[in-house]
């Protein structure tokens, strides 16, 4: 799945991913949340992400991954 961050949010996203990179688990991860309390996923950040694009590698099944992509607007 590919996540595209809007231009006006790219700096904040870069700062956020830089802040968690290199931390020990679970502090090296970001939560993907819908609304106020629906956890859709948790992703480990391997390196600071720049340029507004991110690839999310996951162990989700095909249907779960498609659902997450749909909810995030990637499909």
C-alpha atoms as a PDB file:
ATOM      1  CA  UNK A   1       0.000   0.000   0.000  1.00  0.00           C
ATOM      2  CA  UNK A   2       1.271   3.501  -0.744  1.00  0.00           C
ATOM      3  CA  UNK A   3       0.331   6.443   1.480  1.00  0.00           C
ATOM      4  CA  UNK A   4       0.493   9.923  -0.019  1.00  0.00           C
ATOM      5  CA  UNK A   5       0.702  12.851   2.379  1.00  0.00           C
ATOM      6  CA  UNK A   6      -0.744  16.159   1.227  1.00  0.00           C
ATOM      7  CA  UNK A   7       1.828  18.868   0.574  1.00  0.00           C
ATOM      8  CA  UNK A   8       0.700  21.045   3.488  1.00  0.00           C
ATOM      9  CA  UNK A   9       1.139  18.093   5.891  1.00  0.00           C
ATOM     10  CA  UNK A  10       4.426  16.750   4.505  1.00  0.00           C
ATOM     11  CA  UNK A  11       6.738  18.648   6.894  1.00  0.00           C
ATOM     12  CA  UNK A  12       4.783  17.549   9.964  1.00  0.00           C
ATOM     13  CA  UNK A  13       4.760  13.952   8.706  1.00  0.00           C
ATOM     14  CA  UNK A  14       8.522  14.086   8.111  1.00  0.00           C
ATOM     15  CA  UNK A  15       9.065  15.511  11.608  1.00  0.00           C
ATOM     16  CA  UNK A  16       6.820  12.849  13.162  1.00  0.00           C
ATOM     17  CA  UNK A  17       8.501   9.932  11.414  1.00  0.00           C
ATOM     18  CA  UNK A  18      11.919  11.343  12.276  1.00  0.00           C
ATOM     19  CA  UNK A  19      10.930  11.579  15.922  1.00  0.00           C
ATOM     20  CA  UNK A  20       9.989   7.890  16.207  1.00  0.00           C
ATOM     21  CA  UNK A  21      12.774   6.438  14.042  1.00  0.00           C
ATOM     22  CA  UNK A  22      15.306   4.524  16.085  1.00  0.00           C
ATOM     23  CA  UNK A  23      13.202   4.330  19.237  1.00  0.00           C
ATOM     24  CA  UNK A  24      12.780   0.938  20.875  1.00  0.00           C
ATOM     25  CA  UNK A  25       9.464  -0.854  20.322  1.00  0.00           C
ATOM     26  CA  UNK A  26       6.666   0.059  20.731  1.00  0.00           C
ATOM     27  CA  UNK A  27       7.724   3.726  20.612  1.00  0.00           C
ATOM     28  CA  UNK A  28       8.979   3.286  17.030  1.00  0.00           C
ATOM     29  CA  UNK A  29       5.469   2.867  15.636  1.00  0.00           C
ATOM     30  CA  UNK A  30       2.559   5.014  14.487  1.00  0.00           C
ATOM     31  CA  UNK A  31      -1.103   4.158  14.869  1.00  0.00           C
ATOM     32  CA  UNK A  32      -3.491   4.522  11.955  1.00  0.00           C
ATOM     33  CA  UNK A  33      -6.732   5.666  13.547  1.00  0.00           C
ATOM     34  CA  UNK A  34     -10.122   6.411  12.027  1.00  0.00           C
ATOM     35  CA  UNK A  35     -12.298   8.861  13.860  1.00  0.00           C
ATOM     36  CA  UNK A  36     -11.754   9.138  17.580  1.00  0.00           C
ATOM     37  CA  UNK A  37     -11.249   5.541  18.605  1.00  0.00           C
ATOM     38  CA  UNK A  38     -11.073   3.066  15.732  1.00  0.00           C
ATOM     39  CA  UNK A  39      -7.570   1.610  15.424  1.00  0.00           C
ATOM     40  CA  UNK A  40      -7.025   0.460  11.842  1.00  0.00           C
ATOM     41  CA  UNK A  41      -3.399  -0.526  12.135  1.00  0.00           C
ATOM     42  CA  UNK A  42      -0.028   0.003  13.732  1.00  0.00           C
ATOM     43  CA  UNK A  43       3.069   0.530  11.601  1.00  0.00           C
ATOM     44  CA  UNK A  44       6.715   0.505  12.608  1.00  0.00           C
ATOM     45  CA  UNK A  45       8.693   3.416  11.173  1.00  0.00           C
ATOM     46  CA  UNK A  46      12.048   2.173   9.918  1.00  0.00           C
ATOM     47  CA  UNK A  47      13.416   5.514   8.747  1.00  0.00           C
ATOM     48  CA  UNK A  48      12.492   9.184   8.540  1.00  0.00           C
ATOM     49  CA  UNK A  49      10.072   9.601   5.653  1.00  0.00           C
ATOM     50  CA  UNK A  50      10.510  12.555   3.344  1.00  0.00           C
ATOM     51  CA  UNK A  51       8.933  13.491   0.046  1.00  0.00           C
ATOM     52  CA  UNK A  52       5.333  12.864   1.118  1.00  0.00           C
ATOM     53  CA  UNK A  53       5.194   9.170   0.160  1.00  0.00           C
ATOM     54  CA  UNK A  54       5.289   6.107   2.371  1.00  0.00           C
ATOM     55  CA  UNK A  55       5.049   2.408   1.657  1.00  0.00           C
ATOM     56  CA  UNK A  56       3.209   0.451   4.325  1.00  0.00           C
ATOM     57  CA  UNK A  57       4.297  -3.182   4.526  1.00  0.00           C
ATOM     58  CA  UNK A  58       1.949  -5.254   6.599  1.00  0.00           C
ATOM     59  CA  UNK A  59       1.133  -8.805   7.574  1.00  0.00           C
ATOM     60  CA  UNK A  60      -2.567  -8.204   6.988  1.00  0.00           C
ATOM     61  CA  UNK A  61      -4.483 -10.623   4.834  1.00  0.00           C
ATOM     62  CA  UNK A  62      -5.522  -9.529   1.356  1.00  0.00           C
ATOM     63  CA  UNK A  63      -9.060  -8.477   2.370  1.00  0.00           C
ATOM     64  CA  UNK A  64      -7.838  -6.619   5.459  1.00  0.00           C
ATOM     65  CA  UNK A  65      -5.166  -4.803   3.430  1.00  0.00           C
ATOM     66  CA  UNK A  66      -7.721  -3.816   0.784  1.00  0.00           C
ATOM     67  CA  UNK A  67     -10.055  -2.529   3.495  1.00  0.00           C
ATOM     68  CA  UNK A  68      -7.252  -0.456   5.065  1.00  0.00           C
ATOM     69  CA  UNK A  69      -6.260   0.934   1.667  1.00  0.00           C
ATOM     70  CA  UNK A  70      -9.883   1.854   0.979  1.00  0.00           C
ATOM     71  CA  UNK A  71     -10.358   3.550   4.349  1.00  0.00           C
ATOM     72  CA  UNK A  72      -7.143   5.544   3.843  1.00  0.00           C
ATOM     73  CA  UNK A  73      -8.322   6.621   0.388  1.00  0.00           C
ATOM     74  CA  UNK A  74      -5.569   4.768  -1.467  1.00  0.00           C
ATOM     75  CA  UNK A  75      -7.993   2.915  -3.740  1.00  0.00           C
END
